[in-house]
Amino acid sequence: MTDTLYLPEIVGDGYKEFWQTKRRYRVVKGSRASKKSKTTALWYIYHLLKHPQANLVVVRRTYRTLERSAYSELKWAIHRLGADKYFDFKSAPLEIIVKPTGQRIFFAGLDDPLKLTSLTVSYGVLCWMWIEEAYEVDSEDAFNTLDESIRGEVPVGLFKQITLTFNPWSENHWLKKRFFDREHPDVFALTVNYKVNEWLDEADLRVFEEMKTRDPERYRVCGLGEWGVGGGQFFSEFRTDIHVTNPMPLAAGVRIYRAIDYGLDALACLFISVDSMGNANVFREVYEHDLIVSAAADAIREASEGLDIYRTFAPPDLWSRQKDSGKSIAMLFEQHGVPLTSADNNRIGGWMALKEWMKVTSENESRLTISKNCENLIRCLPSLLSDKKRIGDCATEPHEITHLPDALRYFAVMQTGTPKAKTGVTVSDFTGKNRRKNRF
């Protein structure tokens, strides 16, 4: 590319260190309108043209969200840099190609792991990765797998780098501990906010100034880019010093429940022990994505090995019969060794029941505790926001954080009192209009 560009005029202020760093991890959390995605897109387009052997892969939690996010941002950056003539665009699959060199920008979702492991380039090296909305990467192990895909030698003048951009989220997220709570020579961490965006007009700025007065907590997160859930935290009673405990052996005589939320996008399964005093501890979780019923059942049975499961609660929609097979998902689970009990799915009533379980007493105790090893539940539960239109309910977006709390809700609403001693009794399992008896 031989065209002359004056970058400060195109990119703007606030990102000088971001633009210059060659550290392996470049991590940016920022409020709305903080230019983080647009600046990242501009950086990649400029440097792909500057380094003709570099290739880039862009990752999000789900592949289908990329077209309207990072793919669009990169197309915008190409146009802003006046480089349209140098690029071709493909939509099936998503791909951007540098015409003079054959360099590639690939797009991949964590919902298609084979795509990530099979990426190869015909020219140059795959040395850069952009993880957009990195808070969607729900575990550090999943990130480590991505990290390992950027490896090997690179030509002189090139460098390996992974860029993570995201809106601020719960301080319990692994991103905070990994990148922001410590100094490391491989990490460049940056927090930005709307104040670095010189292209906001007066009307845009008034939105933030009014937020600052009307909802200071939301302004702290959405305006200044600090850790948090943007105001309106649904489980304000959640306290890590009370509700989160060290893992411990199961006590004799406890009754063990499972509670699941299931869809093709995710399986959420919690293992909960309840003692004779009516205290519950969530001691194990299974949280996996994109599993068919048989694979989901296998995962649940494997995690249940050696446990005497009393009952497994699940949402009633799993008893709806499928048109193609005439069978319900609940029937398929039972066929694969995981019998289910239909739970009450009244959302407001269920959340009220869960709040009762989580209520903190004057002695700073709670009937419900969660073992530290249930990292995803601990991350998701305090991240839920209140629904702005439906009093007593929580928001259903981001959808990724709702599955495990929903599973816990099914337990809470169905197990409201102190359990009696086990007698091996037969319980009724309500399946739509039909009542069928199962022994648990």
Protein backbone atom coordinates (compact mmCIF):
# COMPACT_ATOMS: atom_id res chain seq x y z
CA MET A 1 0.00 0.00 0.00
CA THR A 2 1.63 3.27 -1.13
CA ASP A 3 -1.11 5.76 -0.23
CA THR A 4 -0.06 8.35 2.36
CA LEU A 5 -2.19 8.43 5.52
CA TYR A 6 -2.15 10.71 8.54
CA LEU A 7 -3.10 8.21 11.23
CA PRO A 8 -3.90 10.60 14.13
CA GLU A 9 -6.58 12.17 11.97
CA ILE A 10 -8.10 8.80 11.07
CA VAL A 11 -7.72 6.96 14.38
CA GLY A 12 -7.99 9.77 16.90
CA ASP A 13 -6.60 9.99 20.43
CA GLY A 14 -6.49 7.74 23.48
CA TYR A 15 -4.87 4.62 22.01
CA LYS A 16 -1.19 5.51 21.47
CA GLU A 17 0.19 2.72 23.70
CA PHE A 18 -2.36 0.26 22.33
CA TRP A 19 -1.22 1.08 18.80
CA GLN A 20 2.47 0.68 19.60
CA THR A 21 2.65 -2.32 21.94
CA LYS A 22 3.95 -5.67 20.67
CA ARG A 23 3.23 -7.61 23.86
CA ARG A 24 1.62 -10.99 23.32
CA TYR A 25 -1.64 -10.06 25.11
CA ARG A 26 -3.27 -6.72 24.34
CA VAL A 27 -6.37 -6.51 26.53
CA VAL A 28 -8.84 -3.62 26.37
CA LYS A 29 -12.00 -3.21 28.42
CA GLY A 30 -14.04 -0.16 27.74
CA SER A 31 -17.36 1.54 28.14
CA ARG A 32 -19.80 2.12 25.35
CA ALA A 33 -18.65 4.55 22.64
CA SER A 34 -14.99 4.16 23.67
CA LYS A 35 -13.78 3.31 20.13
CA LYS A 36 -12.18 0.03 21.22
CA SER A 37 -13.61 -2.15 18.42
CA LYS A 38 -13.17 0.49 15.74
CA THR A 39 -9.61 1.25 16.81
CA THR A 40 -8.78 -2.46 16.86
CA ALA A 41 -10.24 -2.91 13.37
CA LEU A 42 -8.22 0.06 12.07
CA TRP A 43 -5.05 -1.34 13.62
CA TYR A 44 -5.49 -4.73 11.95
CA ILE A 45 -6.22 -3.37 8.49
CA TYR A 46 -3.33 -0.92 8.62
CA HIS A 47 -0.86 -3.55 9.87
CA LEU A 48 -2.01 -6.30 7.51
CA LEU A 49 -1.12 -3.97 4.67
CA LYS A 50 2.14 -3.03 6.39
CA HIS A 51 3.15 -6.67 7.06
CA PRO A 52 2.41 -8.74 3.93
CA GLN A 53 3.11 -12.09 5.64
CA ALA A 54 0.66 -11.57 8.53
CA ASN A 55 -2.73 -13.28 8.80
CA LEU A 56 -5.51 -12.75 11.35
CA VAL A 57 -8.26 -14.86 12.92
CA VAL A 58 -11.21 -13.16 14.64
CA VAL A 59 -13.07 -15.12 17.33
CA ARG A 60 -16.36 -14.80 19.21
CA ARG A 61 -18.41 -17.14 21.35
CA THR A 62 -20.79 -17.91 18.49
CA TYR A 63 -19.93 -17.70 14.80
CA ARG A 64 -23.24 -16.20 13.71
CA THR A 65 -22.61 -13.01 15.73
CA LEU A 66 -19.43 -12.16 13.83
CA GLU A 67 -20.98 -10.83 10.63
CA ARG A 68 -22.73 -7.95 12.37
CA SER A 69 -19.85 -7.19 14.72
CA ALA A 70 -16.16 -7.67 13.90
CA TYR A 71 -16.69 -8.40 10.19
CA SER A 72 -18.64 -5.15 9.80
CA GLU A 73 -16.10 -3.21 11.86
CA LEU A 74 -13.25 -4.43 9.66
CA LYS A 75 -15.14 -3.48 6.49
CA TRP A 76 -15.74 -0.05 8.02
CA ALA A 77 -12.00 0.27 8.81
CA ILE A 78 -11.03 -0.68 5.26
CA HIS A 79 -13.27 2.04 3.89
CA ARG A 80 -12.07 4.63 6.43
CA LEU A 81 -8.47 3.92 5.44
CA GLY A 82 -9.40 4.28 1.77
CA ALA A 83 -8.19 0.74 1.09
CA ASP A 84 -11.30 -0.78 -0.54
CA LYS A 85 -9.44 -1.65 -3.75
CA TYR A 86 -7.03 -3.90 -1.85
CA PHE A 87 -9.63 -6.26 -0.35
CA ASP A 88 -12.13 -8.94 -1.34
CA PHE A 89 -14.98 -10.09 0.91
CA LYS A 90 -16.54 -13.55 1.23
CA SER A 91 -19.71 -14.35 3.14
CA ALA A 92 -19.85 -18.16 3.04
CA PRO A 93 -17.78 -18.65 5.07
CA LEU A 94 -16.91 -15.18 6.31
CA GLU A 95 -13.48 -14.17 5.09
CA ILE A 96 -11.61 -11.05 4.06
CA ILE A 97 -8.75 -11.38 1.57
CA VAL A 98 -5.92 -8.97 0.83
CA LYS A 99 -5.88 -9.10 -2.98
CA PRO A 100 -2.24 -8.18 -3.71
CA THR A 101 -0.81 -10.83 -1.34
CA GLY A 102 -3.49 -13.44 -0.58
CA GLN A 103 -3.40 -12.70 3.14
CA ARG A 104 -6.51 -13.80 5.02
CA ILE A 105 -8.72 -12.60 7.82
CA PHE A 106 -10.54 -15.69 9.11
CA PHE A 107 -13.61 -15.71 11.36
CA ALA A 108 -14.38 -18.50 13.83
CA GLY A 109 -16.74 -19.20 16.70
CA LEU A 110 -16.12 -21.23 19.83
CA ASP A 111 -19.26 -23.12 18.83
CA ASP A 112 -17.23 -24.64 15.96
CA PRO A 113 -13.96 -25.79 17.57
CA LEU A 114 -12.94 -27.81 14.51
CA LYS A 115 -12.78 -24.59 12.49
CA LEU A 116 -10.23 -23.19 14.92
CA THR A 117 -8.03 -26.27 14.99
CA SER A 118 -8.01 -26.66 11.20
CA LEU A 119 -7.06 -23.11 10.21
CA THR A 120 -4.07 -22.98 7.89
CA VAL A 121 -2.66 -20.25 5.68
CA SER A 122 -1.23 -20.67 2.20
CA TYR A 123 0.90 -17.55 2.46
CA GLY A 124 2.71 -16.13 5.46
CA VAL A 125 1.85 -17.03 9.06
CA LEU A 126 -1.21 -16.90 11.32
CA CYS A 127 0.26 -14.62 13.96
CA TRP A 128 -2.63 -12.44 15.17
CA MET A 129 -5.91 -13.19 16.90
CA TRP A 130 -8.70 -10.80 17.88
CA ILE A 131 -11.15 -12.09 20.50
CA GLU A 132 -14.10 -9.72 20.36
CA GLU A 133 -16.44 -9.51 23.38
CA ALA A 134 -13.94 -11.62 25.27
CA TYR A 135 -16.18 -11.80 28.35
CA GLU A 136 -18.16 -14.40 26.36
CA VAL A 137 -15.21 -16.80 26.73
CA ASP A 138 -16.53 -18.40 29.87
CA SER A 139 -13.42 -20.12 31.17
CA GLU A 140 -9.69 -19.55 31.28
CA ASP A 141 -9.17 -23.07 29.92
CA ALA A 142 -11.12 -22.14 26.78
CA PHE A 143 -8.88 -19.10 26.34
CA ASN A 144 -5.76 -21.20 26.85
CA THR A 145 -6.87 -23.43 23.97
CA LEU A 146 -7.17 -20.35 21.74
CA ASP A 147 -3.82 -19.07 22.97
CA GLU A 148 -2.11 -22.30 21.95
CA SER A 149 -3.29 -21.89 18.35
CA ILE A 150 -1.00 -18.85 17.89
CA ARG A 151 2.39 -20.53 17.98
CA GLY A 152 5.55 -21.17 15.98
CA GLU A 153 8.21 -18.96 14.47
CA VAL A 154 7.38 -15.76 12.63
CA PRO A 155 9.41 -13.87 10.02
CA VAL A 156 11.71 -11.05 11.09
CA GLY A 157 9.68 -7.92 11.77
CA LEU A 158 6.50 -9.80 12.69
CA PHE A 159 5.25 -10.72 16.15
CA LYS A 160 2.57 -12.94 17.70
CA GLN A 161 -0.22 -11.10 19.47
CA ILE A 162 -3.71 -11.79 20.81
CA THR A 163 -6.04 -8.82 21.28
CA LEU A 164 -9.02 -9.12 23.63
CA THR A 165 -11.70 -6.42 23.62
CA PHE A 166 -14.82 -6.38 25.76
CA ASN A 167 -17.30 -4.30 27.70
CA PRO A 168 -16.59 -4.35 31.44
CA TRP A 169 -18.30 -7.16 33.28
CA SER A 170 -18.40 -8.79 36.69
CA GLU A 171 -15.21 -8.55 38.72
CA ASN A 172 -15.56 -12.32 39.24
CA HIS A 173 -14.71 -12.96 35.58
CA TRP A 174 -11.40 -14.74 34.98
CA LEU A 175 -10.27 -11.87 32.69
CA LYS A 176 -9.80 -9.56 35.67
CA LYS A 177 -7.55 -11.90 37.62
CA ARG A 178 -5.56 -13.00 34.54
CA PHE A 179 -4.88 -9.62 32.94
CA PHE A 180 -5.78 -6.72 35.24
CA ASP A 181 -4.84 -7.81 38.77
CA ARG A 182 -1.15 -8.33 38.10
CA GLU A 183 1.76 -6.89 36.19
CA HIS A 184 3.26 -9.19 33.54
CA PRO A 185 5.78 -8.46 30.78
CA ASP A 186 3.59 -10.19 28.19
CA VAL A 187 0.42 -8.24 29.07
CA PHE A 188 -0.72 -4.79 28.01
CA ALA A 189 -4.02 -4.00 29.79
CA LEU A 190 -6.03 -0.85 29.16
CA THR A 191 -9.32 0.60 30.39
CA VAL A 192 -10.95 3.22 28.16
CA ASN A 193 -14.18 5.19 28.20
CA TYR A 194 -16.28 7.51 26.10
CA LYS A 195 -14.08 10.50 26.99
CA VAL A 196 -11.42 9.36 24.50
CA ASN A 197 -13.94 9.50 21.66
CA GLU A 198 -13.58 12.97 20.19
CA TRP A 199 -16.21 12.25 17.54
CA LEU A 200 -19.16 12.12 19.96
CA ASP A 201 -21.47 15.09 19.52
CA GLU A 202 -23.19 17.08 22.27
CA ALA A 203 -26.27 14.87 22.22
CA ASP A 204 -24.10 11.76 22.71
CA LEU A 205 -22.28 13.35 25.62
CA ARG A 206 -25.56 14.35 27.28
CA VAL A 207 -26.57 10.69 27.41
CA PHE A 208 -23.58 9.96 29.62
CA GLU A 209 -23.93 13.09 31.73
CA GLU A 210 -27.58 12.27 32.43
CA MET A 211 -26.61 8.68 33.26
CA LYS A 212 -24.05 10.03 35.72
CA THR A 213 -26.79 11.88 37.62
CA ARG A 214 -29.64 9.40 37.20
CA ASP A 215 -27.79 6.10 37.74
CA PRO A 216 -24.26 6.55 39.14
CA GLU A 217 -23.57 2.81 39.33
CA ARG A 218 -24.51 2.31 35.70
CA TYR A 219 -22.37 5.31 34.77
CA ARG A 220 -19.39 3.83 36.62
CA VAL A 221 -19.58 0.71 34.42
CA CYS A 222 -21.16 1.83 31.14
CA GLY A 223 -19.67 5.31 31.20
CA LEU A 224 -16.26 4.90 32.82
CA GLY A 225 -15.54 1.28 31.90
CA GLU A 226 -15.04 -0.01 35.46
CA TRP A 227 -15.79 -3.60 36.50
CA GLY A 228 -19.44 -4.33 37.27
CA VAL A 229 -22.75 -5.15 35.64
CA GLY A 230 -23.92 -1.67 34.75
CA GLY A 231 -26.38 -1.11 37.57
CA GLY A 232 -29.54 -3.04 38.28
CA GLN A 233 -27.79 -6.14 39.61
CA PHE A 234 -30.52 -8.73 40.08
CA PHE A 235 -28.91 -10.68 42.92
CA SER A 236 -27.71 -7.79 45.05
CA GLU A 237 -27.63 -10.19 48.00
CA PHE A 238 -24.82 -12.24 46.47
CA ARG A 239 -21.61 -12.00 48.51
CA THR A 240 -18.49 -13.98 47.70
CA ASP A 241 -17.42 -13.97 51.35
CA ILE A 242 -20.66 -15.66 52.40
CA HIS A 243 -22.04 -17.59 49.43
CA VAL A 244 -18.75 -18.96 48.07
CA THR A 245 -17.01 -21.68 50.09
CA ASN A 246 -14.07 -24.02 49.76
CA PRO A 247 -14.93 -27.47 48.36
CA MET A 248 -15.53 -30.04 51.06
CA PRO A 249 -16.36 -33.77 51.21
CA LEU A 250 -20.06 -34.64 51.13
CA ALA A 251 -21.41 -35.18 54.62
CA ALA A 252 -23.18 -38.40 55.52
CA GLY A 253 -26.94 -38.33 55.07
CA VAL A 254 -27.19 -35.46 52.61
CA ARG A 255 -29.70 -35.68 49.79
CA ILE A 256 -28.25 -34.93 46.35
CA TYR A 257 -30.19 -33.15 43.65
CA ARG A 258 -29.36 -32.24 40.11
CA ALA A 259 -30.89 -29.29 38.28
CA ILE A 260 -30.45 -28.72 34.56
CA ASP A 261 -31.15 -26.19 31.88
CA TYR A 262 -30.73 -27.55 28.39
CA GLY A 263 -30.78 -26.35 24.81
CA LEU A 264 -28.62 -27.03 21.79
CA ASP A 265 -26.58 -23.94 22.68
CA ALA A 266 -25.69 -25.08 26.19
CA LEU A 267 -26.06 -27.72 28.87
CA ALA A 268 -26.06 -26.36 32.43
CA CYS A 269 -26.21 -28.97 35.19
CA LEU A 270 -25.75 -28.27 38.89
CA PHE A 271 -25.19 -30.82 41.67
CA ILE A 272 -26.65 -29.70 44.99
CA SER A 273 -26.45 -31.38 48.38
CA VAL A 274 -29.08 -30.64 51.03
CA ASP A 275 -28.48 -31.58 54.65
CA SER A 276 -31.02 -32.43 57.35
CA MET A 277 -31.10 -28.79 58.49
CA GLY A 278 -32.18 -27.63 55.05
CA ASN A 279 -28.86 -26.07 54.05
CA ALA A 280 -27.83 -26.47 50.40
CA ASN A 281 -24.42 -26.48 48.78
CA VAL A 282 -23.84 -26.41 45.04
CA PHE A 283 -20.75 -28.61 44.90
CA ARG A 284 -20.35 -29.43 41.21
CA GLU A 285 -21.29 -28.02 37.81
CA VAL A 286 -21.31 -29.19 34.21
CA TYR A 287 -21.39 -26.38 31.68
CA GLU A 288 -20.80 -27.37 28.06
CA HIS A 289 -21.93 -26.02 24.72
CA ASP A 290 -23.44 -27.55 21.58
CA LEU A 291 -24.26 -31.03 22.90
CA ILE A 292 -27.01 -33.23 21.47
CA VAL A 293 -29.16 -35.00 24.06
CA SER A 294 -27.15 -38.24 24.11
CA ALA A 295 -23.87 -36.34 24.61
CA ALA A 296 -25.46 -34.13 27.27
CA ALA A 297 -26.73 -37.20 29.11
CA ASP A 298 -23.28 -38.80 28.90
CA ALA A 299 -21.72 -35.66 30.43
CA ILE A 300 -24.26 -35.66 33.27
CA ARG A 301 -23.84 -39.38 34.00
CA GLU A 302 -20.06 -39.09 33.98
CA ALA A 303 -20.18 -36.22 36.49
CA SER A 304 -22.67 -38.22 38.61
CA GLU A 305 -20.48 -41.30 38.99
CA GLY A 306 -20.49 -42.51 42.58
CA LEU A 307 -23.34 -40.21 43.61
CA ASP A 308 -26.80 -41.28 44.79
CA ILE A 309 -28.99 -38.80 42.93
CA TYR A 310 -32.39 -38.26 44.49
CA ARG A 311 -34.03 -36.18 41.79
CA THR A 312 -33.14 -34.10 38.72
CA PHE A 313 -35.18 -30.95 38.08
CA ALA A 314 -35.58 -29.60 34.55
CA PRO A 315 -37.71 -26.98 32.76
CA PRO A 316 -41.17 -28.19 31.65
CA ASP A 317 -40.59 -27.31 28.00
CA LEU A 318 -38.38 -30.40 27.75
CA TRP A 319 -41.58 -32.45 27.84
CA SER A 320 -42.88 -30.94 24.57
CA ARG A 321 -42.94 -33.62 21.91
CA GLN A 322 -40.82 -33.12 18.81
CA LYS A 323 -42.74 -33.14 15.53
CA ASP A 324 -40.25 -35.32 13.69
CA SER A 325 -39.89 -38.09 16.29
CA GLY A 326 -42.97 -37.77 18.49
CA LYS A 327 -40.66 -37.94 21.50
CA SER A 328 -39.84 -35.22 23.97
CA ILE A 329 -36.34 -34.19 25.00
CA ALA A 330 -37.18 -35.41 28.51
CA MET A 331 -37.96 -38.86 27.08
CA LEU A 332 -34.63 -38.88 25.23
CA PHE A 333 -32.78 -37.97 28.42
CA GLU A 334 -34.48 -40.84 30.24
CA GLN A 335 -33.59 -43.24 27.44
CA HIS A 336 -29.97 -42.23 27.96
CA GLY A 337 -30.04 -42.82 31.69
CA VAL A 338 -31.00 -39.39 33.05
CA PRO A 339 -34.64 -39.36 34.25
CA LEU A 340 -36.00 -35.86 34.86
CA THR A 341 -38.62 -34.24 37.05
CA SER A 342 -40.50 -31.24 35.66
CA ALA A 343 -39.90 -28.07 37.64
CA ASP A 344 -42.15 -25.07 38.08
CA ASN A 345 -41.09 -22.52 35.45
CA ASN A 346 -42.77 -19.46 36.92
CA ARG A 347 -39.83 -17.10 36.58
CA ILE A 348 -40.78 -14.52 39.20
CA GLY A 349 -41.80 -17.17 41.73
CA GLY A 350 -38.63 -19.10 41.02
CA TRP A 351 -36.36 -16.10 41.48
CA MET A 352 -38.16 -15.21 44.73
CA ALA A 353 -37.54 -18.75 45.98
CA LEU A 354 -33.86 -18.52 45.05
CA LYS A 355 -33.52 -15.16 46.79
CA GLU A 356 -34.97 -16.76 49.92
CA TRP A 357 -32.30 -19.46 49.71
CA MET A 358 -29.60 -16.79 49.28
CA LYS A 359 -30.85 -14.46 52.02
CA VAL A 360 -28.07 -13.45 54.41
CA THR A 361 -28.94 -13.74 58.09
CA SER A 362 -27.89 -11.41 60.89
CA GLU A 363 -25.13 -13.97 61.64
CA ASN A 364 -23.77 -13.48 58.09
CA GLU A 365 -24.85 -16.93 56.99
CA SER A 366 -26.91 -18.24 54.08
CA ARG A 367 -28.86 -21.45 53.53
CA LEU A 368 -27.30 -21.68 50.07
CA THR A 369 -23.57 -21.83 49.41
CA ILE A 370 -21.56 -22.52 46.26
CA SER A 371 -18.22 -24.34 46.14
CA LYS A 372 -15.35 -22.43 44.55
CA ASN A 373 -14.94 -25.06 41.87
CA CYS A 374 -18.31 -23.99 40.36
CA GLU A 375 -16.56 -21.11 38.62
CA ASN A 376 -19.16 -20.52 35.92
CA LEU A 377 -22.10 -20.27 38.33
CA ILE A 378 -20.09 -17.90 40.54
CA ARG A 379 -19.36 -15.79 37.46
CA CYS A 380 -22.88 -15.77 36.04
CA LEU A 381 -25.08 -15.38 39.13
CA PRO A 382 -23.94 -11.90 40.22
CA SER A 383 -23.80 -10.76 36.58
CA LEU A 384 -27.55 -11.02 36.01
CA LEU A 385 -29.32 -7.70 35.55
CA SER A 386 -32.87 -6.82 36.50
CA ASP A 387 -35.39 -6.75 33.66
CA LYS A 388 -36.28 -3.11 33.07
CA LYS A 389 -39.87 -3.89 32.03
CA ARG A 390 -40.82 -6.91 34.18
CA ILE A 391 -40.56 -6.31 37.91
CA GLY A 392 -39.19 -9.31 39.79
CA ASP A 393 -37.55 -10.88 36.73
CA CYS A 394 -34.00 -10.74 35.41
CA ALA A 395 -32.86 -9.82 31.93
CA THR A 396 -32.30 -12.70 29.53
CA GLU A 397 -29.29 -11.09 27.82
CA PRO A 398 -26.45 -11.79 27.58
CA HIS A 399 -27.98 -15.23 27.07
CA GLU A 400 -24.73 -17.02 27.87
CA ILE A 401 -24.91 -16.10 31.56
CA THR A 402 -28.53 -17.21 32.16
CA HIS A 403 -28.30 -21.02 31.85
CA LEU A 404 -26.72 -21.90 35.19
CA PRO A 405 -28.84 -19.43 37.23
CA ASP A 406 -31.94 -20.88 35.53
CA ALA A 407 -30.90 -24.37 36.61
CA LEU A 408 -30.45 -23.15 40.18
CA ARG A 409 -33.88 -21.51 40.01
CA TYR A 410 -35.50 -24.87 39.15
CA PHE A 411 -33.94 -26.38 42.26
CA ALA A 412 -34.89 -23.46 44.51
CA VAL A 413 -38.55 -23.35 43.52
CA MET A 414 -38.99 -27.12 43.85
CA GLN A 415 -37.06 -27.65 47.08
CA THR A 416 -38.36 -25.08 49.50
CA GLY A 417 -38.40 -26.92 52.81
CA THR A 418 -36.20 -29.11 54.98
CA PRO A 419 -36.09 -32.60 53.41
CA LYS A 420 -37.24 -35.64 55.30
CA ALA A 421 -35.06 -38.70 55.72
CA LYS A 422 -34.77 -40.94 52.68
CA THR A 423 -37.36 -43.69 52.51
CA GLY A 424 -37.01 -44.87 48.91
CA VAL A 425 -40.52 -43.60 48.20
CA THR A 426 -42.08 -43.34 44.77
CA VAL A 427 -42.57 -39.79 43.55
CA SER A 428 -44.78 -38.46 40.80
CA ASP A 429 -43.19 -37.02 37.69
CA PHE A 430 -45.53 -34.63 35.92
CA THR A 431 -45.08 -34.77 32.14
CA GLY A 432 -47.55 -32.37 30.56
CA LYS A 433 -51.09 -33.71 30.99
CA ASN A 434 -49.94 -37.21 31.76
CA ARG A 435 -48.77 -38.28 35.21
CA ARG A 436 -46.23 -41.08 35.27
CA LYS A 437 -44.55 -42.67 38.28
CA ASN A 438 -40.78 -43.05 38.41
CA ARG A 439 -38.68 -44.40 41.23
CA PHE A 440 -35.63 -42.28 42.04
